[in-house]
Amino acid sequence: MVYLGPRARAVLQPWLEAARTPDDYLFARRGRLSPPTRRHYTRLIATAARAAGVEPWHPHQLRHARGTRVRASHGLDAAQAELGHGQASTTERYAAPDDEAARRAAEETG
């Protein structure tokens, strides 16, 4: 489950409206029914970074930054749930995921 706050929903609204079912992939590659792979995203980001003349970065950095932000503002449970870690030890040794805290975090932080 991925929780989206109001700002993220506003940005994604055109894709959400175009989806035929809740299970549709929002960002399927052109002409394919499967979602883009991590490798595909990484290549797209590297190409865009070069074109923009900025330092290349990895998409996993976004995930790390988001997890750090949520943990700082809403605690480890919310970060674990939002990142989708099945075991607390993956995020850090702590309690089970708190999906409600992740939903609240998404609402409050966008």
PDB file of N, CA and C in Angstrom:
ATOM      1  N   MET A   1       0.847  -1.171   0.000  1.00  0.00           N
ATOM      2  CA  MET A   1       0.000   0.000   0.000  1.00  0.00           C
ATOM      3  C   MET A   1       0.892   1.233   0.000  1.00  0.00           C
ATOM      4  N   VAL A   2       0.586   2.178  -0.865  1.00  0.00           N
ATOM      5  CA  VAL A   2       1.324   3.439  -0.912  1.00  0.00           C
ATOM      6  C   VAL A   2       0.342   4.545  -0.555  1.00  0.00           C
ATOM      7  N   TYR A   3       0.665   5.293   0.484  1.00  0.00           N
ATOM      8  CA  TYR A   3      -0.181   6.392   0.927  1.00  0.00           C
ATOM      9  C   TYR A   3       0.276   7.681   0.257  1.00  0.00           C
ATOM     10  N   LEU A   4      -0.664   8.414  -0.323  1.00  0.00           N
ATOM     11  CA  LEU A   4      -0.343   9.656  -1.006  1.00  0.00           C
ATOM     12  C   LEU A   4      -1.041  10.818  -0.312  1.00  0.00           C
ATOM     13  N   GLY A   5      -0.283  11.857  -0.052  1.00  0.00           N
ATOM     14  CA  GLY A   5      -0.840  13.067   0.539  1.00  0.00           C
ATOM     15  C   GLY A   5      -1.488  13.928  -0.528  1.00  0.00           C
ATOM     16  N   PRO A   6      -2.073  15.052  -0.119  1.00  0.00           N
ATOM     17  CA  PRO A   6      -2.815  15.894  -1.057  1.00  0.00           C
ATOM     18  C   PRO A   6      -1.966  16.471  -2.193  1.00  0.00           C
ATOM     19  N   ARG A   7      -0.729  16.841  -1.928  1.00  0.00           N
ATOM     20  CA  ARG A   7       0.109  17.390  -2.999  1.00  0.00           C
ATOM     21  C   ARG A   7       0.456  16.310  -4.016  1.00  0.00           C
ATOM     22  N   ALA A   8       0.786  15.120  -3.539  1.00  0.00           N
ATOM     23  CA  ALA A   8       1.106  14.024  -4.458  1.00  0.00           C
ATOM     24  C   ALA A   8      -0.125  13.650  -5.279  1.00  0.00           C
ATOM     25  N   ARG A   9      -1.294  13.596  -4.639  1.00  0.00           N
ATOM     26  CA  ARG A   9      -2.519  13.268  -5.387  1.00  0.00           C
ATOM     27  C   ARG A   9      -2.802  14.311  -6.452  1.00  0.00           C
ATOM     28  N   ALA A  10      -2.547  15.590  -6.151  1.00  0.00           N
ATOM     29  CA  ALA A  10      -2.788  16.655  -7.137  1.00  0.00           C
ATOM     30  C   ALA A  10      -1.877  16.482  -8.356  1.00  0.00           C
ATOM     31  N   VAL A  11      -0.611  16.157  -8.126  1.00  0.00           N
ATOM     32  CA  VAL A  11       0.332  15.964  -9.226  1.00  0.00           C
ATOM     33  C   VAL A  11      -0.051  14.740 -10.056  1.00  0.00           C
ATOM     34  N   LEU A  12      -0.492  13.685  -9.396  1.00  0.00           N
ATOM     35  CA  LEU A  12      -0.805  12.432 -10.076  1.00  0.00           C
ATOM     36  C   LEU A  12      -2.227  12.350 -10.618  1.00  0.00           C
ATOM     37  N   GLN A  13      -3.044  13.362 -10.356  1.00  0.00           N
ATOM     38  CA  GLN A  13      -4.466  13.324 -10.715  1.00  0.00           C
ATOM     39  C   GLN A  13      -4.728  12.908 -12.162  1.00  0.00           C
ATOM     40  N   PRO A  14      -4.022  13.458 -13.156  1.00  0.00           N
ATOM     41  CA  PRO A  14      -4.307  13.024 -14.538  1.00  0.00           C
ATOM     42  C   PRO A  14      -4.104  11.525 -14.749  1.00  0.00           C
ATOM     43  N   TRP A  15      -3.076  10.945 -14.130  1.00  0.00           N
ATOM     44  CA  TRP A  15      -2.821   9.509 -14.273  1.00  0.00           C
ATOM     45  C   TRP A  15      -3.857   8.699 -13.484  1.00  0.00           C
ATOM     46  N   LEU A  16      -4.237   9.204 -12.307  1.00  0.00           N
ATOM     47  CA  LEU A  16      -5.245   8.507 -11.513  1.00  0.00           C
ATOM     48  C   LEU A  16      -6.578   8.463 -12.251  1.00  0.00           C
ATOM     49  N   GLU A  17      -6.935   9.564 -12.906  1.00  0.00           N
ATOM     50  CA  GLU A  17      -8.197   9.619 -13.650  1.00  0.00           C
ATOM     51  C   GLU A  17      -8.163   8.723 -14.887  1.00  0.00           C
ATOM     52  N   ALA A  18      -6.983   8.568 -15.484  1.00  0.00           N
ATOM     53  CA  ALA A  18      -6.857   7.745 -16.690  1.00  0.00           C
ATOM     54  C   ALA A  18      -6.862   6.252 -16.383  1.00  0.00           C
ATOM     55  N   ALA A  19      -6.588   5.885 -15.142  1.00  0.00           N
ATOM     56  CA  ALA A  19      -6.562   4.465 -14.772  1.00  0.00           C
ATOM     57  C   ALA A  19      -7.968   3.887 -14.893  1.00  0.00           C
ATOM     58  N   ARG A  20      -8.055   2.731 -15.507  1.00  0.00           N
ATOM     59  CA  ARG A  20      -9.363   2.089 -15.680  1.00  0.00           C
ATOM     60  C   ARG A  20      -9.792   1.334 -14.428  1.00  0.00           C
ATOM     61  N   THR A  21      -8.811   0.770 -13.722  1.00  0.00           N
ATOM     62  CA  THR A  21      -9.111   0.042 -12.490  1.00  0.00           C
ATOM     63  C   THR A  21      -8.086   0.451 -11.432  1.00  0.00           C
ATOM     64  N   PRO A  22      -8.366   0.224 -10.154  1.00  0.00           N
ATOM     65  CA  PRO A  22      -7.388   0.551  -9.103  1.00  0.00           C
ATOM     66  C   PRO A  22      -6.081  -0.229  -9.234  1.00  0.00           C
ATOM     67  N   ASP A  23      -6.089  -1.332  -9.984  1.00  0.00           N
ATOM     68  CA  ASP A  23      -4.889  -2.148 -10.141  1.00  0.00           C
ATOM     69  C   ASP A  23      -4.042  -1.758 -11.350  1.00  0.00           C
ATOM     70  N   ASP A  24      -4.500  -0.792 -12.153  1.00  0.00           N
ATOM     71  CA  ASP A  24      -3.723  -0.366 -13.318  1.00  0.00           C
ATOM     72  C   ASP A  24      -2.401   0.260 -12.885  1.00  0.00           C
ATOM     73  N   TYR A  25      -1.349   0.027 -13.675  1.00  0.00           N
ATOM     74  CA  TYR A  25      -0.068   0.680 -13.443  1.00  0.00           C
ATOM     75  C   TYR A  25      -0.188   2.121 -13.933  1.00  0.00           C
ATOM     76  N   LEU A  26       0.211   3.070 -13.100  1.00  0.00           N
ATOM     77  CA  LEU A  26       0.106   4.467 -13.502  1.00  0.00           C
ATOM     78  C   LEU A  26       1.183   4.865 -14.499  1.00  0.00           C
ATOM     79  N   PHE A  27       2.344   4.236 -14.422  1.00  0.00           N
ATOM     80  CA  PHE A  27       3.460   4.652 -15.249  1.00  0.00           C
ATOM     81  C   PHE A  27       3.996   3.499 -16.089  1.00  0.00           C
ATOM     82  N   ALA A  28       3.105   2.762 -16.718  1.00  0.00           N
ATOM     83  CA  ALA A  28       3.544   1.653 -17.570  1.00  0.00           C
ATOM     84  C   ALA A  28       4.352   2.216 -18.729  1.00  0.00           C
ATOM     85  N   ARG A  29       5.375   1.487 -19.114  1.00  0.00           N
ATOM     86  CA  ARG A  29       6.192   1.924 -20.244  1.00  0.00           C
ATOM     87  C   ARG A  29       5.371   1.873 -21.517  1.00  0.00           C
ATOM     88  N   ARG A  30       5.665   2.768 -22.398  1.00  0.00           N
ATOM     89  CA  ARG A  30       4.940   2.875 -23.658  1.00  0.00           C
ATOM     90  C   ARG A  30       4.866   1.525 -24.366  1.00  0.00           C
ATOM     91  N   GLY A  31       3.664   1.104 -24.678  1.00  0.00           N
ATOM     92  CA  GLY A  31       3.474  -0.139 -25.410  1.00  0.00           C
ATOM     93  C   GLY A  31       3.627  -1.402 -24.573  1.00  0.00           C
ATOM     94  N   ARG A  32       3.764  -1.255 -23.250  1.00  0.00           N
ATOM     95  CA  ARG A  32       3.924  -2.436 -22.398  1.00  0.00           C
ATOM     96  C   ARG A  32       2.880  -2.408 -21.297  1.00  0.00           C
ATOM     97  N   LEU A  33       2.529  -3.580 -20.827  1.00  0.00           N
ATOM     98  CA  LEU A  33       1.542  -3.675 -19.762  1.00  0.00           C
ATOM     99  C   LEU A  33       2.187  -3.796 -18.387  1.00  0.00           C
ATOM    100  N   SER A  34       3.507  -3.890 -18.347  1.00  0.00           N
ATOM    101  CA  SER A  34       4.195  -4.031 -17.073  1.00  0.00           C
ATOM    102  C   SER A  34       4.735  -2.668 -16.623  1.00  0.00           C
ATOM    103  N   PRO A  35       4.953  -2.519 -15.332  1.00  0.00           N
ATOM    104  CA  PRO A  35       5.481  -1.247 -14.834  1.00  0.00           C
ATOM    105  C   PRO A  35       6.954  -1.094 -15.198  1.00  0.00           C
ATOM    106  N   PRO A  36       7.453   0.142 -15.178  1.00  0.00           N
ATOM    107  CA  PRO A  36       8.884   0.337 -15.409  1.00  0.00           C
ATOM    108  C   PRO A  36       9.679  -0.359 -14.305  1.00  0.00           C
ATOM    109  N   THR A  37      10.854  -0.809 -14.646  1.00  0.00           N
ATOM    110  CA  THR A  37      11.722  -1.450 -13.655  1.00  0.00           C
ATOM    111  C   THR A  37      12.578  -0.393 -12.966  1.00  0.00           C
ATOM    112  N   ARG A  38      13.208  -0.794 -11.859  1.00  0.00           N
ATOM    113  CA  ARG A  38      14.138   0.122 -11.188  1.00  0.00           C
ATOM    114  C   ARG A  38      15.246   0.543 -12.143  1.00  0.00           C
ATOM    115  N   ARG A  39      15.710  -0.411 -12.907  1.00  0.00           N
ATOM    116  CA  ARG A  39      16.787  -0.114 -13.865  1.00  0.00           C
ATOM    117  C   ARG A  39      16.338   0.928 -14.891  1.00  0.00           C
ATOM    118  N   HIS A  40      15.092   0.796 -15.363  1.00  0.00           N
ATOM    119  CA  HIS A  40      14.540   1.751 -16.324  1.00  0.00           C
ATOM    120  C   HIS A  40      14.482   3.151 -15.704  1.00  0.00           C
ATOM    121  N   TYR A  41      13.957   3.254 -14.480  1.00  0.00           N
ATOM    122  CA  TYR A  41      13.909   4.554 -13.794  1.00  0.00           C
ATOM    123  C   TYR A  41      15.306   5.135 -13.624  1.00  0.00           C
ATOM    124  N   THR A  42      16.253   4.300 -13.238  1.00  0.00           N
ATOM    125  CA  THR A  42      17.621   4.766 -13.025  1.00  0.00           C
ATOM    126  C   THR A  42      18.202   5.339 -14.310  1.00  0.00           C
ATOM    127  N   ARG A  43      17.971   4.649 -15.431  1.00  0.00           N
ATOM    128  CA  ARG A  43      18.457   5.144 -16.729  1.00  0.00           C
ATOM    129  C   ARG A  43      17.802   6.464 -17.100  1.00  0.00           C
ATOM    130  N   LEU A  44      16.479   6.567 -16.897  1.00  0.00           N
ATOM    131  CA  LEU A  44      15.772   7.813 -17.218  1.00  0.00           C
ATOM    132  C   LEU A  44      16.291   8.974 -16.389  1.00  0.00           C
ATOM    133  N   ILE A  45      16.512   8.743 -15.115  1.00  0.00           N
ATOM    134  CA  ILE A  45      17.012   9.797 -14.228  1.00  0.00           C
ATOM    135  C   ILE A  45      18.416  10.214 -14.631  1.00  0.00           C
ATOM    136  N   ALA A  46      19.283   9.249 -14.945  1.00  0.00           N
ATOM    137  CA  ALA A  46      20.649   9.574 -15.364  1.00  0.00           C
ATOM    138  C   ALA A  46      20.640  10.404 -16.647  1.00  0.00           C
ATOM    139  N   THR A  47      19.791  10.047 -17.588  1.00  0.00           N
ATOM    140  CA  THR A  47      19.683  10.791 -18.837  1.00  0.00           C
ATOM    141  C   THR A  47      19.198  12.213 -18.580  1.00  0.00           C
ATOM    142  N   ALA A  48      18.171  12.342 -17.749  1.00  0.00           N
ATOM    143  CA  ALA A  48      17.631  13.668 -17.436  1.00  0.00           C
ATOM    144  C   ALA A  48      18.645  14.515 -16.672  1.00  0.00           C
ATOM    145  N   ALA A  49      19.388  13.907 -15.763  1.00  0.00           N
ATOM    146  CA  ALA A  49      20.408  14.639 -14.996  1.00  0.00           C
ATOM    147  C   ALA A  49      21.493  15.161 -15.929  1.00  0.00           C
ATOM    148  N   ARG A  50      21.952  14.312 -16.849  1.00  0.00           N
ATOM    149  CA  ARG A  50      22.964  14.765 -17.805  1.00  0.00           C
ATOM    150  C   ARG A  50      22.437  15.922 -18.651  1.00  0.00           C
ATOM    151  N   ALA A  51      21.205  15.794 -19.126  1.00  0.00           N
ATOM    152  CA  ALA A  51      20.616  16.843 -19.960  1.00  0.00           C
ATOM    153  C   ALA A  51      20.459  18.154 -19.188  1.00  0.00           C
ATOM    154  N   ALA A  52      20.187  18.046 -17.895  1.00  0.00           N
ATOM    155  CA  ALA A  52      20.010  19.240 -17.068  1.00  0.00           C
ATOM    156  C   ALA A  52      21.329  19.784 -16.533  1.00  0.00           C
ATOM    157  N   GLY A  53      22.417  19.027 -16.740  1.00  0.00           N
ATOM    158  CA  GLY A  53      23.714  19.462 -16.259  1.00  0.00           C
ATOM    159  C   GLY A  53      23.859  19.395 -14.746  1.00  0.00           C
ATOM    160  N   VAL A  54      23.149  18.451 -14.122  1.00  0.00           N
ATOM    161  CA  VAL A  54      23.247  18.303 -12.670  1.00  0.00           C
ATOM    162  C   VAL A  54      23.925  16.980 -12.324  1.00  0.00           C
ATOM    163  N   GLU A  55      24.376  16.895 -11.090  1.00  0.00           N
ATOM    164  CA  GLU A  55      25.048  15.696 -10.600  1.00  0.00           C
ATOM    165  C   GLU A  55      24.089  14.498 -10.682  1.00  0.00           C
ATOM    166  N   PRO A  56      24.520  13.384 -11.278  1.00  0.00           N
ATOM    167  CA  PRO A  56      23.645  12.212 -11.323  1.00  0.00           C
ATOM    168  C   PRO A  56      23.310  11.712  -9.920  1.00  0.00           C
ATOM    169  N   TRP A  57      22.141  11.150  -9.782  1.00  0.00           N
ATOM    170  CA  TRP A  57      21.703  10.600  -8.506  1.00  0.00           C
ATOM    171  C   TRP A  57      20.908   9.342  -8.756  1.00  0.00           C
ATOM    172  N   HIS A  58      20.688   8.591  -7.713  1.00  0.00           N
ATOM    173  CA  HIS A  58      19.997   7.305  -7.812  1.00  0.00           C
ATOM    174  C   HIS A  58      18.605   7.451  -7.210  1.00  0.00           C
ATOM    175  N   PRO A  59      17.579   6.828  -7.811  1.00  0.00           N
ATOM    176  CA  PRO A  59      16.220   6.964  -7.289  1.00  0.00           C
ATOM    177  C   PRO A  59      16.070   6.484  -5.849  1.00  0.00           C
ATOM    178  N   HIS A  60      16.943   5.584  -5.432  1.00  0.00           N
ATOM    179  CA  HIS A  60      16.840   5.102  -4.054  1.00  0.00           C
ATOM    180  C   HIS A  60      17.124   6.226  -3.048  1.00  0.00           C
ATOM    181  N   GLN A  61      17.827   7.274  -3.499  1.00  0.00           N
ATOM    182  CA  GLN A  61      18.087   8.416  -2.631  1.00  0.00           C
ATOM    183  C   GLN A  61      16.777   9.105  -2.238  1.00  0.00           C
ATOM    184  N   LEU A  62      15.801   9.121  -3.136  1.00  0.00           N
ATOM    185  CA  LEU A  62      14.498   9.711  -2.821  1.00  0.00           C
ATOM    186  C   LEU A  62      13.806   8.914  -1.717  1.00  0.00           C
ATOM    187  N   ARG A  63      13.878   7.616  -1.837  1.00  0.00           N
ATOM    188  CA  ARG A  63      13.263   6.743  -0.836  1.00  0.00           C
ATOM    189  C   ARG A  63      13.923   6.939   0.522  1.00  0.00           C
ATOM    190  N   HIS A  64      15.240   7.016   0.531  1.00  0.00           N
ATOM    191  CA  HIS A  64      15.965   7.231   1.780  1.00  0.00           C
ATOM    192  C   HIS A  64      15.592   8.586   2.396  1.00  0.00           C
ATOM    193  N   ALA A  65      15.560   9.619   1.573  1.00  0.00           N
ATOM    194  CA  ALA A  65      15.229  10.957   2.076  1.00  0.00           C
ATOM    195  C   ALA A  65      13.807  10.995   2.632  1.00  0.00           C
ATOM    196  N   ARG A  66      12.879  10.360   1.931  1.00  0.00           N
ATOM    197  CA  ARG A  66      11.488  10.329   2.403  1.00  0.00           C
ATOM    198  C   ARG A  66      11.388   9.582   3.731  1.00  0.00           C
ATOM    199  N   GLY A  67      12.035   8.435   3.824  1.00  0.00           N
ATOM    200  CA  GLY A  67      12.013   7.670   5.064  1.00  0.00           C
ATOM    201  C   GLY A  67      12.594   8.461   6.221  1.00  0.00           C
ATOM    202  N   THR A  68      13.681   9.159   5.973  1.00  0.00           N
ATOM    203  CA  THR A  68      14.310   9.979   7.013  1.00  0.00           C
ATOM    204  C   THR A  68      13.373  11.086   7.460  1.00  0.00           C
ATOM    205  N   ARG A  69      12.716  11.733   6.493  1.00  0.00           N
ATOM    206  CA  ARG A  69      11.797  12.834   6.824  1.00  0.00           C
ATOM    207  C   ARG A  69      10.599  12.343   7.640  1.00  0.00           C
ATOM    208  N   VAL A  70      10.004  11.247   7.224  1.00  0.00           N
ATOM    209  CA  VAL A  70       8.838  10.716   7.940  1.00  0.00           C
ATOM    210  C   VAL A  70       9.239  10.239   9.330  1.00  0.00           C
ATOM    211  N   ARG A  71      10.374   9.588   9.419  1.00  0.00           N
ATOM    212  CA  ARG A  71      10.816   9.125  10.734  1.00  0.00           C
ATOM    213  C   ARG A  71      11.026  10.307  11.686  1.00  0.00           C
ATOM    214  N   ALA A  72      11.638  11.362  11.185  1.00  0.00           N
ATOM    215  CA  ALA A  72      11.896  12.528  12.027  1.00  0.00           C
ATOM    216  C   ALA A  72      10.602  13.207  12.474  1.00  0.00           C
ATOM    217  N   SER A  73       9.614  13.236  11.604  1.00  0.00           N
ATOM    218  CA  SER A  73       8.385  13.957  11.945  1.00  0.00           C
ATOM    219  C   SER A  73       7.289  13.088  12.548  1.00  0.00           C
ATOM    220  N   HIS A  74       7.306  11.762  12.251  1.00  0.00           N
ATOM    221  CA  HIS A  74       6.200  10.912  12.688  1.00  0.00           C
ATOM    222  C   HIS A  74       6.628   9.605  13.355  1.00  0.00           C
ATOM    223  N   GLY A  75       7.913   9.391  13.472  1.00  0.00           N
ATOM    224  CA  GLY A  75       8.386   8.212  14.188  1.00  0.00           C
ATOM    225  C   GLY A  75       8.730   7.041  13.299  1.00  0.00           C
ATOM    226  N   LEU A  76       9.388   6.077  13.913  1.00  0.00           N
ATOM    227  CA  LEU A  76       9.876   4.904  13.208  1.00  0.00           C
ATOM    228  C   LEU A  76       8.750   4.039  12.647  1.00  0.00           C
ATOM    229  N   ASP A  77       7.651   3.907  13.385  1.00  0.00           N
ATOM    230  CA  ASP A  77       6.535   3.089  12.887  1.00  0.00           C
ATOM    231  C   ASP A  77       6.022   3.618  11.550  1.00  0.00           C
ATOM    232  N   ALA A  78       5.837   4.927  11.467  1.00  0.00           N
ATOM    233  CA  ALA A  78       5.324   5.523  10.231  1.00  0.00           C
ATOM    234  C   ALA A  78       6.321   5.329   9.095  1.00  0.00           C
ATOM    235  N   ALA A  79       7.601   5.517   9.372  1.00  0.00           N
ATOM    236  CA  ALA A  79       8.615   5.338   8.333  1.00  0.00           C
ATOM    237  C   ALA A  79       8.647   3.892   7.852  1.00  0.00           C
ATOM    238  N   GLN A  80       8.578   2.963   8.773  1.00  0.00           N
ATOM    239  CA  GLN A  80       8.595   1.546   8.400  1.00  0.00           C
ATOM    240  C   GLN A  80       7.395   1.207   7.527  1.00  0.00           C
ATOM    241  N   ALA A  81       6.217   1.655   7.924  1.00  0.00           N
ATOM    242  CA  ALA A  81       5.008   1.359   7.155  1.00  0.00           C
ATOM    243  C   ALA A  81       5.046   2.027   5.784  1.00  0.00           C
ATOM    244  N   GLU A  82       5.466   3.275   5.737  1.00  0.00           N
ATOM    245  CA  GLU A  82       5.482   3.980   4.460  1.00  0.00           C
ATOM    246  C   GLU A  82       6.492   3.378   3.495  1.00  0.00           C
ATOM    247  N   LEU A  83       7.629   2.928   3.997  1.00  0.00           N
ATOM    248  CA  LEU A  83       8.641   2.332   3.142  1.00  0.00           C
ATOM    249  C   LEU A  83       8.308   0.883   2.784  1.00  0.00           C
ATOM    250  N   GLY A  84       7.315   0.314   3.457  1.00  0.00           N
ATOM    251  CA  GLY A  84       6.879  -1.035   3.137  1.00  0.00           C
ATOM    252  C   GLY A  84       7.785  -2.129   3.661  1.00  0.00           C
ATOM    253  N   HIS A  85       8.529  -1.830   4.711  1.00  0.00           N
ATOM    254  CA  HIS A  85       9.397  -2.847   5.286  1.00  0.00           C
ATOM    255  C   HIS A  85       8.576  -3.834   6.094  1.00  0.00           C
ATOM    256  N   GLY A  86       8.730  -5.096   5.807  1.00  0.00           N
ATOM    257  CA  GLY A  86       7.996  -6.124   6.523  1.00  0.00           C
ATOM    258  C   GLY A  86       8.540  -6.385   7.920  1.00  0.00           C
ATOM    259  N   GLN A  87       9.804  -6.110   8.111  1.00  0.00           N
ATOM    260  CA  GLN A  87      10.423  -6.313   9.417  1.00  0.00           C
ATOM    261  C   GLN A  87      10.975  -4.988   9.914  1.00  0.00           C
ATOM    262  N   ALA A  88      10.730  -4.730  11.175  1.00  0.00           N
ATOM    263  CA  ALA A  88      11.198  -3.485  11.761  1.00  0.00           C
ATOM    264  C   ALA A  88      12.713  -3.373  11.691  1.00  0.00           C
ATOM    265  N   SER A  89      13.400  -4.498  11.742  1.00  0.00           N
ATOM    266  CA  SER A  89      14.863  -4.456  11.714  1.00  0.00           C
ATOM    267  C   SER A  89      15.377  -3.880  10.402  1.00  0.00           C
ATOM    268  N   THR A  90      14.567  -3.944   9.342  1.00  0.00           N
ATOM    269  CA  THR A  90      14.973  -3.364   8.080  1.00  0.00           C
ATOM    270  C   THR A  90      15.046  -1.851   8.205  1.00  0.00           C
ATOM    271  N   THR A  91      14.101  -1.243   8.867  1.00  0.00           N
ATOM    272  CA  THR A  91      14.117   0.195   9.090  1.00  0.00           C
ATOM    273  C   THR A  91      14.979   0.505  10.300  1.00  0.00           C
ATOM    274  N   GLU A  92      14.767  -0.245  11.327  1.00  0.00           N
ATOM    275  CA  GLU A  92      15.554  -0.254  12.546  1.00  0.00           C
ATOM    276  C   GLU A  92      14.853  -1.213  13.487  1.00  0.00           C
ATOM    277  N   ARG A  93      15.536  -1.675  14.525  1.00  0.00           N
ATOM    278  CA  ARG A  93      14.885  -2.624  15.443  1.00  0.00           C
ATOM    279  C   ARG A  93      13.832  -1.882  16.252  1.00  0.00           C
ATOM    280  N   TYR A  94      12.585  -2.228  15.946  1.00  0.00           N
ATOM    281  CA  TYR A  94      11.475  -1.538  16.598  1.00  0.00           C
ATOM    282  C   TYR A  94      10.200  -2.348  16.483  1.00  0.00           C
ATOM    283  N   ALA A  95       9.027  -1.706  16.669  1.00  0.00           N
ATOM    284  CA  ALA A  95       7.722  -2.371  16.686  1.00  0.00           C
ATOM    285  C   ALA A  95       7.197  -2.642  15.275  1.00  0.00           C
ATOM    286  N   ALA A  96       6.028  -3.300  15.215  1.00  0.00           N
ATOM    287  CA  ALA A  96       5.377  -3.620  13.940  1.00  0.00           C
ATOM    288  C   ALA A  96       4.943  -2.332  13.226  1.00  0.00           C
ATOM    289  N   PRO A  97       4.722  -2.411  11.910  1.00  0.00           N
ATOM    290  CA  PRO A  97       4.301  -1.226  11.162  1.00  0.00           C
ATOM    291  C   PRO A  97       2.984  -0.646  11.663  1.00  0.00           C
ATOM    292  N   ASP A  98       2.864   0.648  11.570  1.00  0.00           N
ATOM    293  CA  ASP A  98       1.643   1.348  11.957  1.00  0.00           C
ATOM    294  C   ASP A  98       1.101   2.038  10.716  1.00  0.00           C
ATOM    295  N   ASP A  99       0.198   1.367   9.990  1.00  0.00           N
ATOM    296  CA  ASP A  99      -0.336   1.906   8.735  1.00  0.00           C
ATOM    297  C   ASP A  99      -1.091   3.210   8.947  1.00  0.00           C
ATOM    298  N   GLU A 100      -1.787   3.353  10.046  1.00  0.00           N
ATOM    299  CA  GLU A 100      -2.520   4.591  10.311  1.00  0.00           C
ATOM    300  C   GLU A 100      -1.555   5.760  10.464  1.00  0.00           C
ATOM    301  N   ALA A 101      -0.416   5.551  11.119  1.00  0.00           N
ATOM    302  CA  ALA A 101       0.585   6.610  11.255  1.00  0.00           C
ATOM    303  C   ALA A 101       1.147   6.990   9.882  1.00  0.00           C
ATOM    304  N   ALA A 102       1.347   6.013   8.993  1.00  0.00           N
ATOM    305  CA  ALA A 102       1.835   6.318   7.650  1.00  0.00           C
ATOM    306  C   ALA A 102       0.802   7.123   6.873  1.00  0.00           C
ATOM    307  N   ARG A 103      -0.485   6.776   7.017  1.00  0.00           N
ATOM    308  CA  ARG A 103      -1.540   7.544   6.336  1.00  0.00           C
ATOM    309  C   ARG A 103      -1.565   8.974   6.859  1.00  0.00           C
ATOM    310  N   ARG A 104      -1.465   9.150   8.179  1.00  0.00           N
ATOM    311  CA  ARG A 104      -1.446  10.505   8.769  1.00  0.00           C
ATOM    312  C   ARG A 104      -0.224  11.278   8.278  1.00  0.00           C
ATOM    313  N   ALA A 105       0.926  10.607   8.211  1.00  0.00           N
ATOM    314  CA  ALA A 105       2.143  11.263   7.742  1.00  0.00           C
ATOM    315  C   ALA A 105       1.979  11.747   6.299  1.00  0.00           C
ATOM    316  N   ALA A 106       1.378  10.902   5.450  1.00  0.00           N
ATOM    317  CA  ALA A 106       1.156  11.290   4.061  1.00  0.00           C
ATOM    318  C   ALA A 106       0.219  12.487   3.975  1.00  0.00           C
ATOM    319  N   GLU A 107      -0.833  12.503   4.776  1.00  0.00           N
ATOM    320  CA  GLU A 107      -1.769  13.629   4.775  1.00  0.00           C
ATOM    321  C   GLU A 107      -1.097  14.923   5.217  1.00  0.00           C
ATOM    322  N   GLU A 108      -0.233  14.831   6.208  1.00  0.00           N
ATOM    323  CA  GLU A 108       0.396  16.019   6.771  1.00  0.00           C
ATOM    324  C   GLU A 108       1.593  16.521   5.977  1.00  0.00           C
ATOM    325  N   THR A 109       2.328  15.619   5.323  1.00  0.00           N
ATOM    326  CA  THR A 109       3.554  16.041   4.652  1.00  0.00           C
ATOM    327  C   THR A 109       3.439  16.072   3.136  1.00  0.00           C
ATOM    328  N   GLY A 110       2.313  15.653   2.608  1.00  0.00           N
ATOM    329  CA  GLY A 110       2.103  15.778   1.170  1.00  0.00           C
ATOM    330  C   GLY A 110       2.460  14.579   0.397  1.00  0.00           C
TER     331      GLY A 110
END
